[in-house]
Amino acid sequence: AGSDPVMMADILHSNRAAVLEHIDRLREQLDLMASLVAGDDSAALQAELARIQTQRQAFLDQYGS
């Protein structure tokens, strides 16, 4: 948000395919979480939260906090 909008627009357009792929993956994950939160399957929600926690920790271990 602190970057120059013209520069950021250029970066996003230059990397359009990758950016759109990541946005689609994010949408899928958000849809999954919405479905799990709306549903009654606490075990499935807990399993997804545990999976996310494991991925987050792996990211932090690799790249630092």
PDB file of N, CA and C in Angstrom:
ATOM      1  N   ALA A   1       0.818  -1.193   0.000  1.00  0.00           N
ATOM      2  CA  ALA A   1       0.000   0.000   0.000  1.00  0.00           C
ATOM      3  C   ALA A   1       0.857   1.250   0.000  1.00  0.00           C
ATOM      4  N   GLY A   2       2.098   1.133   0.460  1.00  0.00           N
ATOM      5  CA  GLY A   2       2.967   2.293   0.490  1.00  0.00           C
ATOM      6  C   GLY A   2       3.753   2.486  -0.790  1.00  0.00           C
ATOM      7  N   SER A   3       3.610   1.564  -1.725  1.00  0.00           N
ATOM      8  CA  SER A   3       4.360   1.645  -2.980  1.00  0.00           C
ATOM      9  C   SER A   3       3.642   2.530  -3.985  1.00  0.00           C
ATOM     10  N   ASP A   4       4.390   2.955  -4.981  1.00  0.00           N
ATOM     11  CA  ASP A   4       3.849   3.777  -6.062  1.00  0.00           C
ATOM     12  C   ASP A   4       2.823   2.970  -6.860  1.00  0.00           C
ATOM     13  N   PRO A   5       1.588   3.448  -6.991  1.00  0.00           N
ATOM     14  CA  PRO A   5       0.547   2.711  -7.717  1.00  0.00           C
ATOM     15  C   PRO A   5       0.912   2.423  -9.168  1.00  0.00           C
ATOM     16  N   VAL A   6       1.595   3.340  -9.828  1.00  0.00           N
ATOM     17  CA  VAL A   6       1.983   3.124 -11.225  1.00  0.00           C
ATOM     18  C   VAL A   6       2.965   1.961 -11.314  1.00  0.00           C
ATOM     19  N   MET A   7       3.940   1.949 -10.423  1.00  0.00           N
ATOM     20  CA  MET A   7       4.929   0.873 -10.414  1.00  0.00           C
ATOM     21  C   MET A   7       4.270  -0.470 -10.079  1.00  0.00           C
ATOM     22  N   MET A   8       3.388  -0.479  -9.068  1.00  0.00           N
ATOM     23  CA  MET A   8       2.731  -1.726  -8.681  1.00  0.00           C
ATOM     24  C   MET A   8       1.836  -2.255  -9.793  1.00  0.00           C
ATOM     25  N   ALA A   9       1.122  -1.367 -10.480  1.00  0.00           N
ATOM     26  CA  ALA A   9       0.285  -1.796 -11.604  1.00  0.00           C
ATOM     27  C   ALA A   9       1.143  -2.426 -12.686  1.00  0.00           C
ATOM     28  N   ASP A  10       2.300  -1.848 -12.950  1.00  0.00           N
ATOM     29  CA  ASP A  10       3.211  -2.391 -13.952  1.00  0.00           C
ATOM     30  C   ASP A  10       3.711  -3.772 -13.541  1.00  0.00           C
ATOM     31  N   ILE A  11       4.067  -3.920 -12.284  1.00  0.00           N
ATOM     32  CA  ILE A  11       4.540  -5.218 -11.778  1.00  0.00           C
ATOM     33  C   ILE A  11       3.434  -6.267 -11.892  1.00  0.00           C
ATOM     34  N   LEU A  12       2.223  -5.906 -11.478  1.00  0.00           N
ATOM     35  CA  LEU A  12       1.107  -6.856 -11.540  1.00  0.00           C
ATOM     36  C   LEU A  12       0.776  -7.247 -12.970  1.00  0.00           C
ATOM     37  N   HIS A  13       0.774  -6.283 -13.872  1.00  0.00           N
ATOM     38  CA  HIS A  13       0.500  -6.596 -15.278  1.00  0.00           C
ATOM     39  C   HIS A  13       1.615  -7.436 -15.888  1.00  0.00           C
ATOM     40  N   SER A  14       2.849  -7.148 -15.516  1.00  0.00           N
ATOM     41  CA  SER A  14       3.978  -7.910 -16.055  1.00  0.00           C
ATOM     42  C   SER A  14       3.958  -9.362 -15.593  1.00  0.00           C
ATOM     43  N   ASN A  15       3.365  -9.594 -14.437  1.00  0.00           N
ATOM     44  CA  ASN A  15       3.308 -10.942 -13.857  1.00  0.00           C
ATOM     45  C   ASN A  15       1.873 -11.445 -13.776  1.00  0.00           C
ATOM     46  N   ARG A  16       1.065 -11.005 -14.715  1.00  0.00           N
ATOM     47  CA  ARG A  16      -0.384 -11.244 -14.698  1.00  0.00           C
ATOM     48  C   ARG A  16      -0.745 -12.713 -14.459  1.00  0.00           C
ATOM     49  N   ALA A  17      -0.151 -13.617 -15.217  1.00  0.00           N
ATOM     50  CA  ALA A  17      -0.530 -15.038 -15.118  1.00  0.00           C
ATOM     51  C   ALA A  17      -0.270 -15.579 -13.716  1.00  0.00           C
ATOM     52  N   ALA A  18       0.897 -15.300 -13.174  1.00  0.00           N
ATOM     53  CA  ALA A  18       1.234 -15.793 -11.837  1.00  0.00           C
ATOM     54  C   ALA A  18       0.354 -15.150 -10.773  1.00  0.00           C
ATOM     55  N   VAL A  19       0.112 -13.858 -10.896  1.00  0.00           N
ATOM     56  CA  VAL A  19      -0.729 -13.153  -9.929  1.00  0.00           C
ATOM     57  C   VAL A  19      -2.142 -13.731  -9.939  1.00  0.00           C
ATOM     58  N   LEU A  20      -2.704 -13.923 -11.121  1.00  0.00           N
ATOM     59  CA  LEU A  20      -4.059 -14.466 -11.218  1.00  0.00           C
ATOM     60  C   LEU A  20      -4.134 -15.896 -10.687  1.00  0.00           C
ATOM     61  N   GLU A  21      -3.096 -16.678 -10.926  1.00  0.00           N
ATOM     62  CA  GLU A  21      -3.059 -18.045 -10.397  1.00  0.00           C
ATOM     63  C   GLU A  21      -3.092 -18.023  -8.870  1.00  0.00           C
ATOM     64  N   HIS A  22      -2.317 -17.151  -8.274  1.00  0.00           N
ATOM     65  CA  HIS A  22      -2.286 -17.063  -6.813  1.00  0.00           C
ATOM     66  C   HIS A  22      -3.601 -16.522  -6.258  1.00  0.00           C
ATOM     67  N   ILE A  23      -4.217 -15.590  -6.946  1.00  0.00           N
ATOM     68  CA  ILE A  23      -5.526 -15.085  -6.517  1.00  0.00           C
ATOM     69  C   ILE A  23      -6.559 -16.206  -6.566  1.00  0.00           C
ATOM     70  N   ASP A  24      -6.529 -17.021  -7.619  1.00  0.00           N
ATOM     71  CA  ASP A  24      -7.457 -18.152  -7.723  1.00  0.00           C
ATOM     72  C   ASP A  24      -7.238 -19.140  -6.583  1.00  0.00           C
ATOM     73  N   ARG A  25      -5.979 -19.423  -6.262  1.00  0.00           N
ATOM     74  CA  ARG A  25      -5.684 -20.347  -5.160  1.00  0.00           C
ATOM     75  C   ARG A  25      -6.156 -19.773  -3.831  1.00  0.00           C
ATOM     76  N   LEU A  26      -5.981 -18.470  -3.649  1.00  0.00           N
ATOM     77  CA  LEU A  26      -6.454 -17.825  -2.429  1.00  0.00           C
ATOM     78  C   LEU A  26      -7.972 -17.913  -2.330  1.00  0.00           C
ATOM     79  N   ARG A  27      -8.655 -17.674  -3.435  1.00  0.00           N
ATOM     80  CA  ARG A  27     -10.125 -17.789  -3.447  1.00  0.00           C
ATOM     81  C   ARG A  27     -10.563 -19.195  -3.052  1.00  0.00           C
ATOM     82  N   GLU A  28      -9.885 -20.206  -3.596  1.00  0.00           N
ATOM     83  CA  GLU A  28     -10.225 -21.590  -3.261  1.00  0.00           C
ATOM     84  C   GLU A  28     -10.072 -21.837  -1.767  1.00  0.00           C
ATOM     85  N   GLN A  29      -8.980 -21.346  -1.194  1.00  0.00           N
ATOM     86  CA  GLN A  29      -8.753 -21.531   0.237  1.00  0.00           C
ATOM     87  C   GLN A  29      -9.789 -20.777   1.068  1.00  0.00           C
ATOM     88  N   LEU A  30     -10.135 -19.567   0.650  1.00  0.00           N
ATOM     89  CA  LEU A  30     -11.157 -18.801   1.366  1.00  0.00           C
ATOM     90  C   LEU A  30     -12.517 -19.481   1.266  1.00  0.00           C
ATOM     91  N   ASP A  31     -12.843 -20.025   0.097  1.00  0.00           N
ATOM     92  CA  ASP A  31     -14.102 -20.758  -0.067  1.00  0.00           C
ATOM     93  C   ASP A  31     -14.137 -21.985   0.840  1.00  0.00           C
ATOM     94  N   LEU A  32     -13.015 -22.695   0.921  1.00  0.00           N
ATOM     95  CA  LEU A  32     -12.938 -23.862   1.792  1.00  0.00           C
ATOM     96  C   LEU A  32     -13.152 -23.457   3.248  1.00  0.00           C
ATOM     97  N   MET A  33     -12.463 -22.403   3.689  1.00  0.00           N
ATOM     98  CA  MET A  33     -12.618 -21.964   5.074  1.00  0.00           C
ATOM     99  C   MET A  33     -14.045 -21.510   5.355  1.00  0.00           C
ATOM    100  N   ALA A  34     -14.647 -20.786   4.429  1.00  0.00           N
ATOM    101  CA  ALA A  34     -16.027 -20.341   4.614  1.00  0.00           C
ATOM    102  C   ALA A  34     -16.954 -21.537   4.757  1.00  0.00           C
ATOM    103  N   SER A  35     -16.734 -22.540   3.933  1.00  0.00           N
ATOM    104  CA  SER A  35     -17.550 -23.747   3.987  1.00  0.00           C
ATOM    105  C   SER A  35     -17.369 -24.471   5.320  1.00  0.00           C
ATOM    106  N   LEU A  36     -16.136 -24.574   5.770  1.00  0.00           N
ATOM    107  CA  LEU A  36     -15.872 -25.263   7.035  1.00  0.00           C
ATOM    108  C   LEU A  36     -16.444 -24.497   8.224  1.00  0.00           C
ATOM    109  N   VAL A  37     -16.324 -23.185   8.207  1.00  0.00           N
ATOM    110  CA  VAL A  37     -16.867 -22.376   9.301  1.00  0.00           C
ATOM    111  C   VAL A  37     -18.394 -22.447   9.307  1.00  0.00           C
ATOM    112  N   ALA A  38     -18.998 -22.433   8.137  1.00  0.00           N
ATOM    113  CA  ALA A  38     -20.458 -22.478   8.035  1.00  0.00           C
ATOM    114  C   ALA A  38     -21.017 -23.849   8.394  1.00  0.00           C
ATOM    115  N   GLY A  39     -20.209 -24.884   8.210  1.00  0.00           N
ATOM    116  CA  GLY A  39     -20.684 -26.241   8.434  1.00  0.00           C
ATOM    117  C   GLY A  39     -20.628 -26.659   9.889  1.00  0.00           C
ATOM    118  N   ASP A  40     -21.006 -27.899  10.124  1.00  0.00           N
ATOM    119  CA  ASP A  40     -21.062 -28.446  11.478  1.00  0.00           C
ATOM    120  C   ASP A  40     -19.947 -29.439  11.770  1.00  0.00           C
ATOM    121  N   ASP A  41     -18.998 -29.592  10.857  1.00  0.00           N
ATOM    122  CA  ASP A  41     -17.937 -30.587  11.010  1.00  0.00           C
ATOM    123  C   ASP A  41     -16.725 -29.960  11.695  1.00  0.00           C
ATOM    124  N   SER A  42     -16.770 -29.941  13.020  1.00  0.00           N
ATOM    125  CA  SER A  42     -15.677 -29.339  13.788  1.00  0.00           C
ATOM    126  C   SER A  42     -14.357 -30.050  13.554  1.00  0.00           C
ATOM    127  N   ALA A  43     -14.399 -31.357  13.359  1.00  0.00           N
ATOM    128  CA  ALA A  43     -13.167 -32.114  13.137  1.00  0.00           C
ATOM    129  C   ALA A  43     -12.495 -31.679  11.838  1.00  0.00           C
ATOM    130  N   ALA A  44     -13.275 -31.464  10.793  1.00  0.00           N
ATOM    131  CA  ALA A  44     -12.712 -31.024   9.515  1.00  0.00           C
ATOM    132  C   ALA A  44     -12.136 -29.619   9.633  1.00  0.00           C
ATOM    133  N   LEU A  45     -12.823 -28.744  10.353  1.00  0.00           N
ATOM    134  CA  LEU A  45     -12.325 -27.386  10.561  1.00  0.00           C
ATOM    135  C   LEU A  45     -11.028 -27.418  11.355  1.00  0.00           C
ATOM    136  N   GLN A  46     -10.989 -28.211  12.408  1.00  0.00           N
ATOM    137  CA  GLN A  46      -9.776 -28.322  13.213  1.00  0.00           C
ATOM    138  C   GLN A  46      -8.626 -28.897  12.396  1.00  0.00           C
ATOM    139  N   ALA A  47      -8.912 -29.868  11.549  1.00  0.00           N
ATOM    140  CA  ALA A  47      -7.872 -30.462  10.702  1.00  0.00           C
ATOM    141  C   ALA A  47      -7.313 -29.428   9.733  1.00  0.00           C
ATOM    142  N   GLU A  48      -8.172 -28.610   9.161  1.00  0.00           N
ATOM    143  CA  GLU A  48      -7.713 -27.572   8.234  1.00  0.00           C
ATOM    144  C   GLU A  48      -6.893 -26.522   8.969  1.00  0.00           C
ATOM    145  N   LEU A  49      -7.324 -26.137  10.154  1.00  0.00           N
ATOM    146  CA  LEU A  49      -6.558 -25.173  10.943  1.00  0.00           C
ATOM    147  C   LEU A  49      -5.191 -25.739  11.324  1.00  0.00           C
ATOM    148  N   ALA A  50      -5.138 -27.017  11.653  1.00  0.00           N
ATOM    149  CA  ALA A  50      -3.860 -27.656  11.973  1.00  0.00           C
ATOM    150  C   ALA A  50      -2.953 -27.695  10.747  1.00  0.00           C
ATOM    151  N   ARG A  51      -3.531 -27.978   9.580  1.00  0.00           N
ATOM    152  CA  ARG A  51      -2.748 -27.992   8.342  1.00  0.00           C
ATOM    153  C   ARG A  51      -2.172 -26.607   8.067  1.00  0.00           C
ATOM    154  N   ILE A  52      -2.993 -25.583   8.241  1.00  0.00           N
ATOM    155  CA  ILE A  52      -2.540 -24.209   8.021  1.00  0.00           C
ATOM    156  C   ILE A  52      -1.431 -23.854   9.005  1.00  0.00           C
ATOM    157  N   GLN A  53      -1.597 -24.245  10.250  1.00  0.00           N
ATOM    158  CA  GLN A  53      -0.583 -23.963  11.265  1.00  0.00           C
ATOM    159  C   GLN A  53       0.746 -24.628  10.911  1.00  0.00           C
ATOM    160  N   THR A  54       0.690 -25.857  10.431  1.00  0.00           N
ATOM    161  CA  THR A  54       1.899 -26.572  10.025  1.00  0.00           C
ATOM    162  C   THR A  54       2.573 -25.874   8.855  1.00  0.00           C
ATOM    163  N   GLN A  55       1.787 -25.452   7.872  1.00  0.00           N
ATOM    164  CA  GLN A  55       2.355 -24.738   6.722  1.00  0.00           C
ATOM    165  C   GLN A  55       2.968 -23.415   7.142  1.00  0.00           C
ATOM    166  N   ARG A  56       2.309 -22.700   8.029  1.00  0.00           N
ATOM    167  CA  ARG A  56       2.829 -21.421   8.507  1.00  0.00           C
ATOM    168  C   ARG A  56       4.162 -21.622   9.211  1.00  0.00           C
ATOM    169  N   GLN A  57       4.220 -22.631  10.069  1.00  0.00           N
ATOM    170  CA  GLN A  57       5.461 -22.882  10.793  1.00  0.00           C
ATOM    171  C   GLN A  57       6.579 -23.274   9.839  1.00  0.00           C
ATOM    172  N   ALA A  58       6.283 -24.081   8.836  1.00  0.00           N
ATOM    173  CA  ALA A  58       7.293 -24.460   7.842  1.00  0.00           C
ATOM    174  C   ALA A  58       7.800 -23.230   7.103  1.00  0.00           C
ATOM    175  N   PHE A  59       6.906 -22.313   6.773  1.00  0.00           N
ATOM    176  CA  PHE A  59       7.300 -21.068   6.107  1.00  0.00           C
ATOM    177  C   PHE A  59       8.214 -20.251   7.016  1.00  0.00           C
ATOM    178  N   LEU A  60       7.824 -20.101   8.281  1.00  0.00           N
ATOM    179  CA  LEU A  60       8.641 -19.332   9.217  1.00  0.00           C
ATOM    180  C   LEU A  60       9.998 -19.979   9.442  1.00  0.00           C
ATOM    181  N   ASP A  61      10.023 -21.308   9.502  1.00  0.00           N
ATOM    182  CA  ASP A  61      11.294 -22.015   9.667  1.00  0.00           C
ATOM    183  C   ASP A  61      12.213 -21.776   8.482  1.00  0.00           C
ATOM    184  N   GLN A  62      11.639 -21.717   7.298  1.00  0.00           N
ATOM    185  CA  GLN A  62      12.445 -21.542   6.093  1.00  0.00           C
ATOM    186  C   GLN A  62      12.850 -20.089   5.871  1.00  0.00           C
ATOM    187  N   TYR A  63      11.931 -19.168   6.086  1.00  0.00           N
ATOM    188  CA  TYR A  63      12.180 -17.771   5.720  1.00  0.00           C
ATOM    189  C   TYR A  63      12.300 -16.833   6.914  1.00  0.00           C
ATOM    190  N   GLY A  64      12.060 -17.323   8.099  1.00  0.00           N
ATOM    191  CA  GLY A  64      12.133 -16.472   9.282  1.00  0.00           C
ATOM    192  C   GLY A  64      10.852 -15.699   9.504  1.00  0.00           C
ATOM    193  N   SER A  65      10.773 -15.099  10.656  1.00  0.00           N
ATOM    194  CA  SER A  65       9.564 -14.340  10.994  1.00  0.00           C
ATOM    195  C   SER A  65       9.730 -12.973  10.488  1.00  0.00           C
TER     196      SER A  65
END
